[in-house]
Each structure stands twice: as C-alpha cells, then as structure tokens.
Amino acid sequence: MTAVLSTKSNFADPDAAYRLIVETHRGLSDEQSAALDAALVLILANHVGDLGLLREAAALAKRSVVEGQRE
C-alpha cells in the first residue's frame, strides 16, 4: 500500500529547514549546487522508499516548475 503524500510542513521550524538548505548551497558553483540538489533528492527518495509516493511527489514538483514558468 502506498502512503499518502504530505504537502503540509512537517517541520517544527520550517524557516530553519529552509535556512539549512540555503546555507548548504553557500559557496558552491552553479554546477556544484545542481549536483548537491540531485544528491539530496536521491538520498531523500531512498529514505522514503515508496515508488508510488515518489511518483506522486515527482509529478507535483514538475507541475509546480512548469506552472511557475508560465507566470
């Protein structure tokens, strides 16, 4: 059975989570930053370990990027 994708914040301090991601990119080149993003996605996808949930999250992320480019 596939879990349900949670799209609400699950962090006690979402601003701290955002700052952590921004700080992790600090000092990296664009190429290194893209590689960091890819590595982080793969690590977290493996942690989730549910292909159905990953499929749903990937579709949601792609939709948000495509729709964001239309604005």
PDB file of N, CA and C in Angstrom:
ATOM      1  N   MET A   1       0.840  -1.192   0.000  1.00  0.00           N
ATOM      2  CA  MET A   1       0.000   0.000   0.000  1.00  0.00           C
ATOM      3  C   MET A   1       0.880   1.248   0.000  1.00  0.00           C
ATOM      4  N   THR A   2       0.539   2.204  -0.835  1.00  0.00           N
ATOM      5  CA  THR A   2       1.283   3.444  -0.944  1.00  0.00           C
ATOM      6  C   THR A   2       0.837   4.424   0.131  1.00  0.00           C
ATOM      7  N   ALA A   3       1.799   5.069   0.753  1.00  0.00           N
ATOM      8  CA  ALA A   3       1.500   6.100   1.737  1.00  0.00           C
ATOM      9  C   ALA A   3       0.911   7.312   1.035  1.00  0.00           C
ATOM     10  N   VAL A   4       0.359   8.222   1.816  1.00  0.00           N
ATOM     11  CA  VAL A   4      -0.218   9.444   1.284  1.00  0.00           C
ATOM     12  C   VAL A   4       0.841  10.539   1.339  1.00  0.00           C
ATOM     13  N   LEU A   5       1.000  11.259   0.239  1.00  0.00           N
ATOM     14  CA  LEU A   5       1.972  12.344   0.173  1.00  0.00           C
ATOM     15  C   LEU A   5       1.511  13.500   1.050  1.00  0.00           C
ATOM     16  N   SER A   6       2.361  13.914   1.963  1.00  0.00           N
ATOM     17  CA  SER A   6       2.066  15.049   2.826  1.00  0.00           C
ATOM     18  C   SER A   6       2.652  16.303   2.186  1.00  0.00           C
ATOM     19  N   THR A   7       1.819  17.296   1.953  1.00  0.00           N
ATOM     20  CA  THR A   7       2.306  18.547   1.368  1.00  0.00           C
ATOM     21  C   THR A   7       2.284  19.702   2.371  1.00  0.00           C
ATOM     22  N   LYS A   8       1.882  19.418   3.589  1.00  0.00           N
ATOM     23  CA  LYS A   8       1.951  20.444   4.637  1.00  0.00           C
ATOM     24  C   LYS A   8       3.314  20.360   5.297  1.00  0.00           C
ATOM     25  N   SER A   9       3.733  21.421   5.924  1.00  0.00           N
ATOM     26  CA  SER A   9       5.037  21.421   6.585  1.00  0.00           C
ATOM     27  C   SER A   9       5.043  20.429   7.744  1.00  0.00           C
ATOM     28  N   ASN A  10       6.058  19.603   7.789  1.00  0.00           N
ATOM     29  CA  ASN A  10       6.224  18.659   8.887  1.00  0.00           C
ATOM     30  C   ASN A  10       7.363  19.077   9.819  1.00  0.00           C
ATOM     31  N   PHE A  11       7.907  20.264   9.598  1.00  0.00           N
ATOM     32  CA  PHE A  11       8.997  20.764  10.420  1.00  0.00           C
ATOM     33  C   PHE A  11       8.460  21.613  11.563  1.00  0.00           C
ATOM     34  N   ALA A  12       9.039  21.431  12.729  1.00  0.00           N
ATOM     35  CA  ALA A  12       8.680  22.292  13.861  1.00  0.00           C
ATOM     36  C   ALA A  12       9.089  23.726  13.561  1.00  0.00           C
ATOM     37  N   ASP A  13      10.182  23.881  12.815  1.00  0.00           N
ATOM     38  CA  ASP A  13      10.689  25.203  12.444  1.00  0.00           C
ATOM     39  C   ASP A  13      11.011  25.203  10.940  1.00  0.00           C
ATOM     40  N   PRO A  14       9.992  25.431  10.093  1.00  0.00           N
ATOM     41  CA  PRO A  14      10.224  25.385   8.648  1.00  0.00           C
ATOM     42  C   PRO A  14      11.235  26.418   8.162  1.00  0.00           C
ATOM     43  N   ASP A  15      11.318  27.559   8.822  1.00  0.00           N
ATOM     44  CA  ASP A  15      12.301  28.571   8.430  1.00  0.00           C
ATOM     45  C   ASP A  15      13.726  28.058   8.647  1.00  0.00           C
ATOM     46  N   ALA A  16      13.941  27.322   9.719  1.00  0.00           N
ATOM     47  CA  ALA A  16      15.265  26.753   9.990  1.00  0.00           C
ATOM     48  C   ALA A  16      15.618  25.716   8.922  1.00  0.00           C
ATOM     49  N   ALA A  17      14.645  24.930   8.481  1.00  0.00           N
ATOM     50  CA  ALA A  17      14.882  23.939   7.429  1.00  0.00           C
ATOM     51  C   ALA A  17      15.268  24.645   6.131  1.00  0.00           C
ATOM     52  N   TYR A  18      14.574  25.715   5.805  1.00  0.00           N
ATOM     53  CA  TYR A  18      14.886  26.492   4.604  1.00  0.00           C
ATOM     54  C   TYR A  18      16.289  27.088   4.693  1.00  0.00           C
ATOM     55  N   ARG A  19      16.614  27.681   5.852  1.00  0.00           N
ATOM     56  CA  ARG A  19      17.939  28.265   6.038  1.00  0.00           C
ATOM     57  C   ARG A  19      19.038  27.216   5.908  1.00  0.00           C
ATOM     58  N   LEU A  20      18.799  26.018   6.423  1.00  0.00           N
ATOM     59  CA  LEU A  20      19.769  24.935   6.315  1.00  0.00           C
ATOM     60  C   LEU A  20      20.062  24.606   4.853  1.00  0.00           C
ATOM     61  N   ILE A  21      19.020  24.523   4.042  1.00  0.00           N
ATOM     62  CA  ILE A  21      19.201  24.220   2.620  1.00  0.00           C
ATOM     63  C   ILE A  21      19.956  25.354   1.933  1.00  0.00           C
ATOM     64  N   VAL A  22      19.581  26.587   2.208  1.00  0.00           N
ATOM     65  CA  VAL A  22      20.265  27.733   1.601  1.00  0.00           C
ATOM     66  C   VAL A  22      21.732  27.752   2.027  1.00  0.00           C
ATOM     67  N   GLU A  23      22.000  27.556   3.298  1.00  0.00           N
ATOM     68  CA  GLU A  23      23.377  27.575   3.803  1.00  0.00           C
ATOM     69  C   GLU A  23      24.208  26.440   3.215  1.00  0.00           C
ATOM     70  N   THR A  24      23.593  25.300   2.975  1.00  0.00           N
ATOM     71  CA  THR A  24      24.308  24.163   2.395  1.00  0.00           C
ATOM     72  C   THR A  24      24.804  24.493   0.990  1.00  0.00           C
ATOM     73  N   HIS A  25      24.085  25.356   0.270  1.00  0.00           N
ATOM     74  CA  HIS A  25      24.475  25.755  -1.087  1.00  0.00           C
ATOM     75  C   HIS A  25      25.509  26.881  -1.113  1.00  0.00           C
ATOM     76  N   ARG A  26      25.675  27.554   0.019  1.00  0.00           N
ATOM     77  CA  ARG A  26      26.567  28.716   0.056  1.00  0.00           C
ATOM     78  C   ARG A  26      27.993  28.321  -0.330  1.00  0.00           C
ATOM     79  N   GLY A  27      28.586  29.107  -1.228  1.00  0.00           N
ATOM     80  CA  GLY A  27      29.957  28.891  -1.641  1.00  0.00           C
ATOM     81  C   GLY A  27      30.137  27.885  -2.763  1.00  0.00           C
ATOM     82  N   LEU A  28      29.043  27.277  -3.214  1.00  0.00           N
ATOM     83  CA  LEU A  28      29.137  26.299  -4.294  1.00  0.00           C
ATOM     84  C   LEU A  28      28.941  26.976  -5.649  1.00  0.00           C
ATOM     85  N   SER A  29      29.560  26.433  -6.667  1.00  0.00           N
ATOM     86  CA  SER A  29      29.305  26.902  -8.036  1.00  0.00           C
ATOM     87  C   SER A  29      27.911  26.451  -8.454  1.00  0.00           C
ATOM     88  N   ASP A  30      27.418  26.962  -9.567  1.00  0.00           N
ATOM     89  CA  ASP A  30      26.103  26.531 -10.069  1.00  0.00           C
ATOM     90  C   ASP A  30      26.090  25.027 -10.313  1.00  0.00           C
ATOM     91  N   GLU A  31      27.180  24.503 -10.862  1.00  0.00           N
ATOM     92  CA  GLU A  31      27.262  23.067 -11.151  1.00  0.00           C
ATOM     93  C   GLU A  31      27.272  22.255  -9.858  1.00  0.00           C
ATOM     94  N   GLN A  32      28.021  22.705  -8.870  1.00  0.00           N
ATOM     95  CA  GLN A  32      28.053  22.011  -7.582  1.00  0.00           C
ATOM     96  C   GLN A  32      26.695  22.081  -6.889  1.00  0.00           C
ATOM     97  N   SER A  33      26.038  23.224  -7.007  1.00  0.00           N
ATOM     98  CA  SER A  33      24.724  23.394  -6.400  1.00  0.00           C
ATOM     99  C   SER A  33      23.706  22.445  -7.032  1.00  0.00           C
ATOM    100  N   ALA A  34      23.755  22.317  -8.358  1.00  0.00           N
ATOM    101  CA  ALA A  34      22.855  21.385  -9.047  1.00  0.00           C
ATOM    102  C   ALA A  34      23.157  19.944  -8.635  1.00  0.00           C
ATOM    103  N   ALA A  35      24.437  19.608  -8.499  1.00  0.00           N
ATOM    104  CA  ALA A  35      24.819  18.262  -8.073  1.00  0.00           C
ATOM    105  C   ALA A  35      24.370  18.001  -6.642  1.00  0.00           C
ATOM    106  N   LEU A  36      24.480  19.014  -5.778  1.00  0.00           N
ATOM    107  CA  LEU A  36      24.002  18.882  -4.403  1.00  0.00           C
ATOM    108  C   LEU A  36      22.499  18.611  -4.386  1.00  0.00           C
ATOM    109  N   ASP A  37      21.737  19.383  -5.172  1.00  0.00           N
ATOM    110  CA  ASP A  37      20.291  19.171  -5.237  1.00  0.00           C
ATOM    111  C   ASP A  37      19.962  17.749  -5.685  1.00  0.00           C
ATOM    112  N   ALA A  38      20.658  17.274  -6.725  1.00  0.00           N
ATOM    113  CA  ALA A  38      20.407  15.927  -7.232  1.00  0.00           C
ATOM    114  C   ALA A  38      20.738  14.873  -6.174  1.00  0.00           C
ATOM    115  N   ALA A  39      21.866  15.041  -5.491  1.00  0.00           N
ATOM    116  CA  ALA A  39      22.251  14.085  -4.454  1.00  0.00           C
ATOM    117  C   ALA A  39      21.249  14.084  -3.311  1.00  0.00           C
ATOM    118  N   LEU A  40      20.805  15.269  -2.903  1.00  0.00           N
ATOM    119  CA  LEU A  40      19.833  15.374  -1.816  1.00  0.00           C
ATOM    120  C   LEU A  40      18.517  14.706  -2.196  1.00  0.00           C
ATOM    121  N   VAL A  41      18.069  14.929  -3.423  1.00  0.00           N
ATOM    122  CA  VAL A  41      16.831  14.300  -3.892  1.00  0.00           C
ATOM    123  C   VAL A  41      16.959  12.781  -3.850  1.00  0.00           C
ATOM    124  N   LEU A  42      18.072  12.254  -4.345  1.00  0.00           N
ATOM    125  CA  LEU A  42      18.246  10.796  -4.366  1.00  0.00           C
ATOM    126  C   LEU A  42      18.336  10.210  -2.963  1.00  0.00           C
ATOM    127  N   ILE A  43      19.032  10.887  -2.068  1.00  0.00           N
ATOM    128  CA  ILE A  43      19.138  10.418  -0.686  1.00  0.00           C
ATOM    129  C   ILE A  43      17.767  10.395  -0.020  1.00  0.00           C
ATOM    130  N   LEU A  44      17.011  11.482  -0.186  1.00  0.00           N
ATOM    131  CA  LEU A  44      15.683  11.549   0.445  1.00  0.00           C
ATOM    132  C   LEU A  44      14.685  10.599  -0.217  1.00  0.00           C
ATOM    133  N   ALA A  45      14.790  10.423  -1.541  1.00  0.00           N
ATOM    134  CA  ALA A  45      13.918   9.466  -2.230  1.00  0.00           C
ATOM    135  C   ALA A  45      14.177   8.059  -1.719  1.00  0.00           C
ATOM    136  N   ASN A  46      15.441   7.724  -1.521  1.00  0.00           N
ATOM    137  CA  ASN A  46      15.771   6.410  -0.972  1.00  0.00           C
ATOM    138  C   ASN A  46      15.212   6.262   0.438  1.00  0.00           C
ATOM    139  N   HIS A  47      15.292   7.335   1.219  1.00  0.00           N
ATOM    140  CA  HIS A  47      14.756   7.303   2.585  1.00  0.00           C
ATOM    141  C   HIS A  47      13.254   7.038   2.577  1.00  0.00           C
ATOM    142  N   VAL A  48      12.541   7.687   1.655  1.00  0.00           N
ATOM    143  CA  VAL A  48      11.092   7.481   1.546  1.00  0.00           C
ATOM    144  C   VAL A  48      10.823   6.029   1.167  1.00  0.00           C
ATOM    145  N   GLY A  49      11.525   5.530   0.155  1.00  0.00           N
ATOM    146  CA  GLY A  49      11.448   4.122  -0.210  1.00  0.00           C
ATOM    147  C   GLY A  49      10.118   3.638  -0.750  1.00  0.00           C
ATOM    148  N   ASP A  50       9.293   4.525  -1.249  1.00  0.00           N
ATOM    149  CA  ASP A  50       7.976   4.153  -1.767  1.00  0.00           C
ATOM    150  C   ASP A  50       7.846   4.724  -3.176  1.00  0.00           C
ATOM    151  N   LEU A  51       7.882   3.842  -4.182  1.00  0.00           N
ATOM    152  CA  LEU A  51       7.867   4.295  -5.569  1.00  0.00           C
ATOM    153  C   LEU A  51       6.597   5.066  -5.916  1.00  0.00           C
ATOM    154  N   GLY A  52       5.457   4.645  -5.410  1.00  0.00           N
ATOM    155  CA  GLY A  52       4.209   5.363  -5.675  1.00  0.00           C
ATOM    156  C   GLY A  52       4.243   6.772  -5.107  1.00  0.00           C
ATOM    157  N   LEU A  53       4.754   6.894  -3.905  1.00  0.00           N
ATOM    158  CA  LEU A  53       4.866   8.208  -3.266  1.00  0.00           C
ATOM    159  C   LEU A  53       5.881   9.077  -4.006  1.00  0.00           C
ATOM    160  N   LEU A  54       6.980   8.480  -4.419  1.00  0.00           N
ATOM    161  CA  LEU A  54       7.984   9.212  -5.197  1.00  0.00           C
ATOM    162  C   LEU A  54       7.410   9.679  -6.519  1.00  0.00           C
ATOM    163  N   ARG A  55       6.639   8.820  -7.165  1.00  0.00           N
ATOM    164  CA  ARG A  55       5.999   9.176  -8.442  1.00  0.00           C
ATOM    165  C   ARG A  55       5.072  10.382  -8.255  1.00  0.00           C
ATOM    166  N   GLU A  56       4.280  10.356  -7.199  1.00  0.00           N
ATOM    167  CA  GLU A  56       3.352  11.459  -6.910  1.00  0.00           C
ATOM    168  C   GLU A  56       4.115  12.753  -6.604  1.00  0.00           C
ATOM    169  N   ALA A  57       5.169  12.657  -5.815  1.00  0.00           N
ATOM    170  CA  ALA A  57       5.962  13.836  -5.469  1.00  0.00           C
ATOM    171  C   ALA A  57       6.661  14.402  -6.701  1.00  0.00           C
ATOM    172  N   ALA A  58       7.180  13.531  -7.560  1.00  0.00           N
ATOM    173  CA  ALA A  58       7.860  13.979  -8.782  1.00  0.00           C
ATOM    174  C   ALA A  58       6.884  14.716  -9.699  1.00  0.00           C
ATOM    175  N   ALA A  59       5.685  14.182  -9.841  1.00  0.00           N
ATOM    176  CA  ALA A  59       4.668  14.824 -10.684  1.00  0.00           C
ATOM    177  C   ALA A  59       4.280  16.191 -10.113  1.00  0.00           C
ATOM    178  N   LEU A  60       4.112  16.268  -8.807  1.00  0.00           N
ATOM    179  CA  LEU A  60       3.759  17.534  -8.161  1.00  0.00           C
ATOM    180  C   LEU A  60       4.881  18.565  -8.340  1.00  0.00           C
ATOM    181  N   ALA A  61       6.114  18.143  -8.155  1.00  0.00           N
ATOM    182  CA  ALA A  61       7.247  19.056  -8.312  1.00  0.00           C
ATOM    183  C   ALA A  61       7.359  19.539  -9.756  1.00  0.00           C
ATOM    184  N   LYS A  62       7.194  18.630 -10.704  1.00  0.00           N
ATOM    185  CA  LYS A  62       7.284  19.021 -12.113  1.00  0.00           C
ATOM    186  C   LYS A  62       6.172  20.003 -12.474  1.00  0.00           C
ATOM    187  N   ARG A  63       4.965  19.724 -12.004  1.00  0.00           N
ATOM    188  CA  ARG A  63       3.840  20.633 -12.259  1.00  0.00           C
ATOM    189  C   ARG A  63       4.128  22.017 -11.696  1.00  0.00           C
ATOM    190  N   SER A  64       4.678  22.083 -10.490  1.00  0.00           N
ATOM    191  CA  SER A  64       4.943  23.391  -9.876  1.00  0.00           C
ATOM    192  C   SER A  64       6.014  24.155 -10.652  1.00  0.00           C
ATOM    193  N   VAL A  65       6.988  23.454 -11.211  1.00  0.00           N
ATOM    194  CA  VAL A  65       8.027  24.106 -12.010  1.00  0.00           C
ATOM    195  C   VAL A  65       7.465  24.594 -13.337  1.00  0.00           C
ATOM    196  N   VAL A  66       6.706  23.748 -14.015  1.00  0.00           N
ATOM    197  CA  VAL A  66       6.136  24.113 -15.317  1.00  0.00           C
ATOM    198  C   VAL A  66       5.155  25.263 -15.158  1.00  0.00           C
ATOM    199  N   GLU A  67       4.281  25.192 -14.176  1.00  0.00           N
ATOM    200  CA  GLU A  67       3.308  26.252 -13.943  1.00  0.00           C
ATOM    201  C   GLU A  67       3.992  27.535 -13.497  1.00  0.00           C
ATOM    202  N   GLY A  68       5.079  27.426 -12.759  1.00  0.00           N
ATOM    203  CA  GLY A  68       5.828  28.597 -12.300  1.00  0.00           C
ATOM    204  C   GLY A  68       6.481  29.321 -13.456  1.00  0.00           C
ATOM    205  N   GLN A  69       6.836  28.589 -14.514  1.00  0.00           N
ATOM    206  CA  GLN A  69       7.469  29.211 -15.686  1.00  0.00           C
ATOM    207  C   GLN A  69       6.452  29.944 -16.547  1.00  0.00           C
ATOM    208  N   ARG A  70       5.189  29.632 -16.406  1.00  0.00           N
ATOM    209  CA  ARG A  70       4.145  30.285 -17.207  1.00  0.00           C
ATOM    210  C   ARG A  70       3.800  31.658 -16.673  1.00  0.00           C
ATOM    211  N   GLU A  71       4.081  31.902 -15.405  1.00  0.00           N
ATOM    212  CA  GLU A  71       3.687  33.169 -14.780  1.00  0.00           C
ATOM    213  C   GLU A  71       4.554  34.310 -15.205  1.00  0.00           C
TER     214      GLU A  71
END
